[in-house]
C-alpha atoms as a PDB file:
ATOM      1  CA  MET A   1      -9.458   4.762  15.134  1.00  0.00           C
ATOM      2  CA  ALA A   2      -7.913   6.693  12.230  1.00  0.00           C
ATOM      3  CA  THR A   3      -4.999   8.096  14.195  1.00  0.00           C
ATOM      4  CA  GLN A   4      -2.481   5.303  13.543  1.00  0.00           C
ATOM      5  CA  MET A   5       0.776   6.607  12.110  1.00  0.00           C
ATOM      6  CA  SER A   6       3.276   4.617  10.063  1.00  0.00           C
ATOM      7  CA  THR A   7       6.866   5.224   9.041  1.00  0.00           C
ATOM      8  CA  ALA A   8       5.912   5.115   5.359  1.00  0.00           C
ATOM      9  CA  GLY A   9       3.064   7.562   5.918  1.00  0.00           C
ATOM     10  CA  VAL A  10       5.263  10.013   7.825  1.00  0.00           C
ATOM     11  CA  THR A  11       7.914   9.796   5.087  1.00  0.00           C
ATOM     12  CA  ARG A  12       5.351  10.588   2.391  1.00  0.00           C
ATOM     13  CA  ALA A  13       3.995  13.485   4.426  1.00  0.00           C
ATOM     14  CA  TYR A  14       7.401  15.118   4.831  1.00  0.00           C
ATOM     15  CA  ASP A  15       8.330  14.501   1.213  1.00  0.00           C
ATOM     16  CA  ARG A  16       5.269  16.630   0.439  1.00  0.00           C
ATOM     17  CA  TRP A  17       6.258  19.252   2.993  1.00  0.00           C
ATOM     18  CA  ALA A  18       9.830  19.572   1.646  1.00  0.00           C
ATOM     19  CA  PRO A  19       9.264  22.395  -0.901  1.00  0.00           C
ATOM     20  CA  VAL A  20       7.575  24.688   1.634  1.00  0.00           C
ATOM     21  CA  TYR A  21       8.824  23.452   4.992  1.00  0.00           C
ATOM     22  CA  ASP A  22      11.200  26.338   5.732  1.00  0.00           C
ATOM     23  CA  LEU A  23       8.598  28.912   4.771  1.00  0.00           C
ATOM     24  CA  VAL A  24       5.795  27.335   6.812  1.00  0.00           C
ATOM     25  CA  PHE A  25       7.652  26.056   9.870  1.00  0.00           C
ATOM     26  CA  GLY A  26      10.920  28.012   9.895  1.00  0.00           C
ATOM     27  CA  PRO A  27       9.601  31.053  11.809  1.00  0.00           C
ATOM     28  CA  VAL A  28       7.337  28.974  14.077  1.00  0.00           C
ATOM     29  CA  PHE A  29      10.173  26.787  15.342  1.00  0.00           C
ATOM     30  CA  LYS A  30      12.938  29.421  15.335  1.00  0.00           C
ATOM     31  CA  ARG A  31      13.114  29.963  19.109  1.00  0.00           C
ATOM     32  CA  GLY A  32      13.005  26.250  19.803  1.00  0.00           C
ATOM     33  CA  ARG A  33      15.852  25.609  17.354  1.00  0.00           C
ATOM     34  CA  SER A  34      18.023  28.226  19.020  1.00  0.00           C
ATOM     35  CA  ALA A  35      17.247  26.897  22.500  1.00  0.00           C
ATOM     36  CA  ALA A  36      18.082  23.320  21.484  1.00  0.00           C
ATOM     37  CA  ILE A  37      21.361  24.256  19.831  1.00  0.00           C
ATOM     38  CA  THR A  38      22.427  26.416  22.780  1.00  0.00           C
ATOM     39  CA  ALA A  39      21.756  23.464  25.085  1.00  0.00           C
ATOM     40  CA  ALA A  40      23.611  21.041  22.802  1.00  0.00           C
ATOM     41  CA  GLU A  41      26.669  23.247  22.619  1.00  0.00           C
ATOM     42  CA  ARG A  42      27.015  23.331  26.390  1.00  0.00           C
ATOM     43  CA  ILE A  43      28.338  19.798  25.879  1.00  0.00           C
ATOM     44  CA  GLY A  44      29.428  19.893  22.243  1.00  0.00           C
ATOM     45  CA  GLY A  45      31.499  17.290  20.460  1.00  0.00           C
ATOM     46  CA  ARG A  46      29.859  14.769  18.149  1.00  0.00           C
ATOM     47  CA  ILE A  47      26.188  15.633  17.819  1.00  0.00           C
ATOM     48  CA  ILE A  48      23.458  13.783  15.946  1.00  0.00           C
ATOM     49  CA  GLU A  49      20.356  15.706  14.921  1.00  0.00           C
ATOM     50  CA  VAL A  50      17.551  13.248  14.336  1.00  0.00           C
ATOM     51  CA  GLY A  51      14.848  14.525  12.000  1.00  0.00           C
ATOM     52  CA  VAL A  52      17.043  17.298  10.633  1.00  0.00           C
ATOM     53  CA  GLY A  53      14.633  17.951   7.758  1.00  0.00           C
ATOM     54  CA  THR A  54      15.899  20.610   5.369  1.00  0.00           C
ATOM     55  CA  GLY A  55      18.912  21.281   7.583  1.00  0.00           C
ATOM     56  CA  ILE A  56      17.661  24.704   8.602  1.00  0.00           C
ATOM     57  CA  SER A  57      19.433  24.348  11.964  1.00  0.00           C
ATOM     58  CA  LEU A  58      22.801  23.195  10.630  1.00  0.00           C
ATOM     59  CA  PRO A  59      24.380  26.641  10.100  1.00  0.00           C
ATOM     60  CA  GLN A  60      23.723  27.484  13.755  1.00  0.00           C
ATOM     61  CA  TYR A  61      26.057  24.815  15.135  1.00  0.00           C
ATOM     62  CA  ALA A  62      29.554  26.040  15.957  1.00  0.00           C
ATOM     63  CA  PRO A  63      32.271  24.786  13.571  1.00  0.00           C
ATOM     64  CA  GLY A  64      34.058  23.040  16.432  1.00  0.00           C
ATOM     65  CA  ASN A  65      31.330  20.405  16.641  1.00  0.00           C
ATOM     66  CA  ARG A  66      30.906  17.378  14.367  1.00  0.00           C
ATOM     67  CA  ILE A  67      27.325  17.024  13.167  1.00  0.00           C
ATOM     68  CA  VAL A  68      25.560  13.931  11.877  1.00  0.00           C
ATOM     69  CA  ALA A  69      22.136  14.639  10.381  1.00  0.00           C
ATOM     70  CA  VAL A  70      19.445  12.059   9.644  1.00  0.00           C
ATOM     71  CA  ASP A  71      15.843  12.187   8.465  1.00  0.00           C
ATOM     72  CA  LEU A  72      13.265   9.823   6.983  1.00  0.00           C
ATOM     73  CA  SER A  73      12.586  12.076   4.009  1.00  0.00           C
ATOM     74  CA  ASP A  74      15.192  12.093   1.251  1.00  0.00           C
ATOM     75  CA  ALA A  75      13.377  15.051  -0.332  1.00  0.00           C
ATOM     76  CA  MET A  76      13.992  17.043   2.833  1.00  0.00           C
ATOM     77  CA  LEU A  77      17.600  15.868   2.966  1.00  0.00           C
ATOM     78  CA  ASP A  78      18.194  17.051  -0.615  1.00  0.00           C
ATOM     79  CA  LYS A  79      17.632  20.556   0.702  1.00  0.00           C
ATOM     80  CA  ALA A  80      19.922  19.893   3.663  1.00  0.00           C
ATOM     81  CA  ARG A  81      22.678  18.650   1.346  1.00  0.00           C
ATOM     82  CA  ALA A  82      22.330  21.745  -0.829  1.00  0.00           C
ATOM     83  CA  ARG A  83      22.515  23.957   2.256  1.00  0.00           C
ATOM     84  CA  VAL A  84      25.704  22.239   3.407  1.00  0.00           C
ATOM     85  CA  ARG A  85      27.310  22.668  -0.031  1.00  0.00           C
ATOM     86  CA  GLU A  86      26.252  26.265  -0.545  1.00  0.00           C
ATOM     87  CA  GLN A  87      27.219  27.424   2.946  1.00  0.00           C
ATOM     88  CA  ARG A  88      30.326  25.218   3.144  1.00  0.00           C
ATOM     89  CA  LEU A  89      29.327  23.682   6.436  1.00  0.00           C
ATOM     90  CA  ASP A  90      32.430  21.550   6.847  1.00  0.00           C
ATOM     91  CA  HIS A  91      31.485  20.569  10.395  1.00  0.00           C
ATOM     92  CA  VAL A  92      28.626  18.443   9.029  1.00  0.00           C
ATOM     93  CA  GLU A  93      30.138  14.972   9.013  1.00  0.00           C
ATOM     94  CA  LEU A  94      27.263  13.028   7.472  1.00  0.00           C
ATOM     95  CA  ILE A  95      23.763  13.495   6.065  1.00  0.00           C
ATOM     96  CA  ALA A  96      21.824  10.265   5.671  1.00  0.00           C
ATOM     97  CA  VAL A  97      18.363   8.794   5.505  1.00  0.00           C
ATOM     98  CA  GLY A  98      17.607   7.404   8.940  1.00  0.00           C
ATOM     99  CA  ASP A  99      14.713   6.260  11.089  1.00  0.00           C
ATOM    100  CA  ALA A 100      14.505   7.686  14.623  1.00  0.00           C
ATOM    101  CA  GLU A 101      13.116   4.366  15.798  1.00  0.00           C
ATOM    102  CA  ASN A 102      16.016   2.348  14.354  1.00  0.00           C
ATOM    103  CA  LEU A 103      19.182   4.422  14.220  1.00  0.00           C
ATOM    104  CA  GLN A 104      22.015   2.764  12.327  1.00  0.00           C
ATOM    105  CA  PHE A 105      24.766   3.876  14.698  1.00  0.00           C
ATOM    106  CA  ALA A 106      26.670   2.098  17.417  1.00  0.00           C
ATOM    107  CA  THR A 107      25.746   2.383  21.070  1.00  0.00           C
ATOM    108  CA  ASP A 108      27.338   5.394  22.835  1.00  0.00           C
ATOM    109  CA  SER A 109      28.293   7.004  19.489  1.00  0.00           C
ATOM    110  CA  PHE A 110      27.371  10.612  20.274  1.00  0.00           C
ATOM    111  CA  ASP A 111      27.959  13.230  22.928  1.00  0.00           C
ATOM    112  CA  VAL A 112      24.559  14.802  22.263  1.00  0.00           C
ATOM    113  CA  VAL A 113      21.350  13.696  20.557  1.00  0.00           C
ATOM    114  CA  VAL A 114      19.148  16.537  19.298  1.00  0.00           C
ATOM    115  CA  ALA A 115      15.571  15.847  18.207  1.00  0.00           C
ATOM    116  CA  GLN A 116      13.664  18.949  17.204  1.00  0.00           C
ATOM    117  CA  TYR A 117       9.896  18.549  16.779  1.00  0.00           C
ATOM    118  CA  VAL A 118      10.439  14.878  15.950  1.00  0.00           C
ATOM    119  CA  VAL A 119       9.123  12.755  18.806  1.00  0.00           C
ATOM    120  CA  THR A 120       5.472  13.560  18.120  1.00  0.00           C
ATOM    121  CA  ALA A 121       5.989  12.654  14.453  1.00  0.00           C
ATOM    122  CA  CYS A 122       7.211   9.130  15.257  1.00  0.00           C
ATOM    123  CA  PRO A 123       4.755   6.239  14.930  1.00  0.00           C
ATOM    124  CA  HIS A 124       6.224   4.739  18.136  1.00  0.00           C
ATOM    125  CA  PRO A 125       7.639   7.657  20.165  1.00  0.00           C
ATOM    126  CA  GLU A 126       8.927   5.605  23.079  1.00  0.00           C
ATOM    127  CA  ARG A 127      10.896   3.414  20.684  1.00  0.00           C
ATOM    128  CA  ALA A 128      12.566   6.541  19.302  1.00  0.00           C
ATOM    129  CA  LEU A 129      13.360   7.796  22.805  1.00  0.00           C
ATOM    130  CA  ASP A 130      14.972   4.450  23.591  1.00  0.00           C
ATOM    131  CA  GLU A 131      17.131   4.792  20.481  1.00  0.00           C
ATOM    132  CA  PHE A 132      18.195   8.310  21.462  1.00  0.00           C
ATOM    133  CA  VAL A 133      19.413   6.981  24.796  1.00  0.00           C
ATOM    134  CA  ARG A 134      21.174   4.022  23.198  1.00  0.00           C
ATOM    135  CA  VAL A 135      23.311   6.089  20.820  1.00  0.00           C
ATOM    136  CA  CYS A 136      24.125   8.760  23.427  1.00  0.00           C
ATOM    137  CA  ARG A 137      27.238   8.216  25.514  1.00  0.00           C
ATOM    138  CA  PRO A 138      27.004   8.099  29.313  1.00  0.00           C
ATOM    139  CA  GLY A 139      27.308  11.660  30.574  1.00  0.00           C
ATOM    140  CA  GLY A 140      25.852  13.039  27.355  1.00  0.00           C
ATOM    141  CA  GLU A 141      22.417  14.540  26.818  1.00  0.00           C
ATOM    142  CA  ILE A 142      19.286  13.989  24.770  1.00  0.00           C
ATOM    143  CA  ILE A 143      17.838  17.388  23.851  1.00  0.00           C
ATOM    144  CA  ILE A 144      14.287  17.511  22.579  1.00  0.00           C
ATOM    145  CA  THR A 145      12.000  20.264  21.407  1.00  0.00           C
ATOM    146  CA  THR A 146       8.481  18.966  21.451  1.00  0.00           C
ATOM    147  CA  ARG A 147       4.831  19.787  21.439  1.00  0.00           C
ATOM    148  CA  VAL A 148       3.217  18.991  24.780  1.00  0.00           C
ATOM    149  CA  GLY A 149      -0.512  18.412  24.610  1.00  0.00           C
ATOM    150  CA  ALA A 150      -3.018  19.463  27.219  1.00  0.00           C
ATOM    151  CA  GLY A 151      -4.007  15.911  28.074  1.00  0.00           C
ATOM    152  CA  GLN A 152      -7.327  16.882  29.671  1.00  0.00           C
ATOM    153  CA  GLY A 153      -9.973  19.583  29.353  1.00  0.00           C
ATOM    154  CA  LEU A 154     -11.306  21.355  26.292  1.00  0.00           C
ATOM    155  CA  ARG A 155      -7.922  21.776  24.645  1.00  0.00           C
ATOM    156  CA  GLY A 156      -7.161  18.096  25.143  1.00  0.00           C
ATOM    157  CA  ALA A 157     -10.479  17.141  23.566  1.00  0.00           C
ATOM    158  CA  ILE A 158      -9.775  19.384  20.565  1.00  0.00           C
ATOM    159  CA  GLU A 159      -6.309  17.863  20.148  1.00  0.00           C
ATOM    160  CA  ARG A 160      -7.733  14.354  20.163  1.00  0.00           C
ATOM    161  CA  ALA A 161     -10.379  15.348  17.641  1.00  0.00           C
ATOM    162  CA  LEU A 162      -7.708  16.763  15.310  1.00  0.00           C
ATOM    163  CA  MET A 163      -5.526  13.667  15.395  1.00  0.00           C
ATOM    164  CA  PRO A 164      -7.082  11.922  12.349  1.00  0.00           C
ATOM    165  CA  VAL A 165      -6.142  14.990  10.281  1.00  0.00           C
ATOM    166  CA  THR A 166      -2.734  15.842  11.746  1.00  0.00           C
ATOM    167  CA  SER A 167      -1.545  12.229  11.696  1.00  0.00           C
ATOM    168  CA  ARG A 168      -1.961  12.277   7.916  1.00  0.00           C
ATOM    169  CA  LEU A 169       0.091  15.483   7.850  1.00  0.00           C
ATOM    170  CA  GLY A 170       2.893  13.677   9.685  1.00  0.00           C
ATOM    171  CA  PHE A 171       2.578  14.795  13.316  1.00  0.00           C
ATOM    172  CA  ARG A 172       0.507  14.570  16.494  1.00  0.00           C
ATOM    173  CA  VAL A 173      -1.131  17.428  18.337  1.00  0.00           C
ATOM    174  CA  GLU A 174      -2.319  15.110  21.139  1.00  0.00           C
ATOM    175  CA  PHE A 175       0.777  14.204  23.170  1.00  0.00           C
ATOM    176  CA  PRO A 176       0.562  14.732  26.950  1.00  0.00           C
ATOM    177  CA  TRP A 177       3.622  15.219  29.138  1.00  0.00           C
ATOM    178  CA  SER A 178       2.793  11.894  30.801  1.00  0.00           C
ATOM    179  CA  ARG A 179       4.121  10.114  27.691  1.00  0.00           C
ATOM    180  CA  TYR A 180       7.583  11.364  28.670  1.00  0.00           C
ATOM    181  CA  THR A 181       7.287  10.729  32.400  1.00  0.00           C
ATOM    182  CA  ASP A 182       5.871   7.233  31.893  1.00  0.00           C
ATOM    183  CA  TRP A 183       8.687   6.406  29.466  1.00  0.00           C
ATOM    184  CA  ALA A 184      11.412   7.751  31.769  1.00  0.00           C
ATOM    185  CA  ALA A 185       9.984   5.705  34.653  1.00  0.00           C
ATOM    186  CA  THR A 186      10.756   2.511  32.701  1.00  0.00           C
ATOM    187  CA  ARG A 187      14.444   3.357  32.455  1.00  0.00           C
ATOM    188  CA  GLY A 188      17.166   3.570  35.058  1.00  0.00           C
ATOM    189  CA  ASP A 189      19.702   5.290  32.835  1.00  0.00           C
ATOM    190  CA  VAL A 190      18.162   8.713  32.227  1.00  0.00           C
ATOM    191  CA  ARG A 191      17.601  11.745  34.412  1.00  0.00           C
ATOM    192  CA  LEU A 192      15.397  14.717  33.529  1.00  0.00           C
ATOM    193  CA  VAL A 193      17.588  17.826  33.539  1.00  0.00           C
ATOM    194  CA  GLU A 194      15.159  20.415  32.215  1.00  0.00           C
ATOM    195  CA  HIS A 195      11.568  20.819  31.072  1.00  0.00           C
ATOM    196  CA  ARG A 196      10.954  24.403  29.983  1.00  0.00           C
ATOM    197  CA  PRO A 197       7.999  25.824  28.051  1.00  0.00           C
ATOM    198  CA  LEU A 198       9.062  27.757  24.962  1.00  0.00           C
ATOM    199  CA  PRO A 199       7.638  31.132  23.941  1.00  0.00           C
ATOM    200  CA  PRO A 200       5.432  32.559  22.673  1.00  0.00           C
ATOM    201  CA  LEU A 201       2.527  30.429  23.969  1.00  0.00           C
ATOM    202  CA  GLY A 202       4.184  27.526  25.754  1.00  0.00           C
ATOM    203  CA  HIS A 203       2.614  24.846  23.537  1.00  0.00           C
ATOM    204  CA  PHE A 204       6.156  23.606  22.830  1.00  0.00           C
ATOM    205  CA  SER A 205       8.838  22.719  25.355  1.00  0.00           C
ATOM    206  CA  LEU A 206      12.578  22.189  25.603  1.00  0.00           C
ATOM    207  CA  VAL A 207      13.258  18.853  27.306  1.00  0.00           C
ATOM    208  CA  ARG A 208      16.702  17.640  28.331  1.00  0.00           C
ATOM    209  CA  TYR A 209      17.605  14.184  29.606  1.00  0.00           C
ATOM    210  CA  ALA A 210      21.066  13.220  30.806  1.00  0.00           C
ATOM    211  CA  LYS A 211      22.236   9.669  30.185  1.00  0.00           C
ATOM    212  CA  ILE A 212      23.516   8.313  33.453  1.00  0.00           C
ATOM    213  CA  SER A 213      26.727   6.314  33.469  1.00  0.00           C
ATOM    214  CA  ALA A 214      26.633   2.600  34.252  1.00  0.00           C
ATOM    215  CA  GLU A 215      28.497   3.204  37.502  1.00  0.00           C
ATOM    216  CA  VAL A 216      25.823   5.627  38.737  1.00  0.00           C
ATOM    217  CA  THR A 217      22.961   3.365  37.613  1.00  0.00           C
ATOM    218  CA  ALA A 218      24.425   0.406  39.508  1.00  0.00           C
ATOM    219  CA  ARG A 219      24.436   2.234  42.852  1.00  0.00           C
END
């Protein structure tokens, strides 16, 4: 079936999106960005944003945080680097090419992991979720904004039919909530804190997982 996604294919897709990404997706994802950053700053500290793209969210983080930003697309990151320079975002510690499924950071490196509209763009989403948990410290949170597909019914059928097209554009429209619940059921070190539909239509959600400390997991 022509819905298989690859890291190279996703990278090429977002390199193509880079010149127009803010114009096309900036307004659509605005409420989700604000919700994710508000949630992240309840904890604060050292925050990694995986799939930061053009860095459109970076100015919204409070200066007291330390932000690491990674993305597959260097073309997108060129825009993020320019944004950091032009707006003097000194709280941005690092901008680097990085793969959500293979993050080049030590275990327990971050207080918060933020992944905005990224999970459904990963060839192997569960592998990325595992990486988010790995690099998050115990007691920290993984904060995700994500499309949640219908799963069943007419809308679900339409989403599945669109997958051959949207996968070439670098994202999935068919991604049921069960992908998250099935993944979480395989792990003993995460707890769902929040799953909240985002306006205006509820096709996207804010999802928060807390990483449970080893002491709690062992009980």
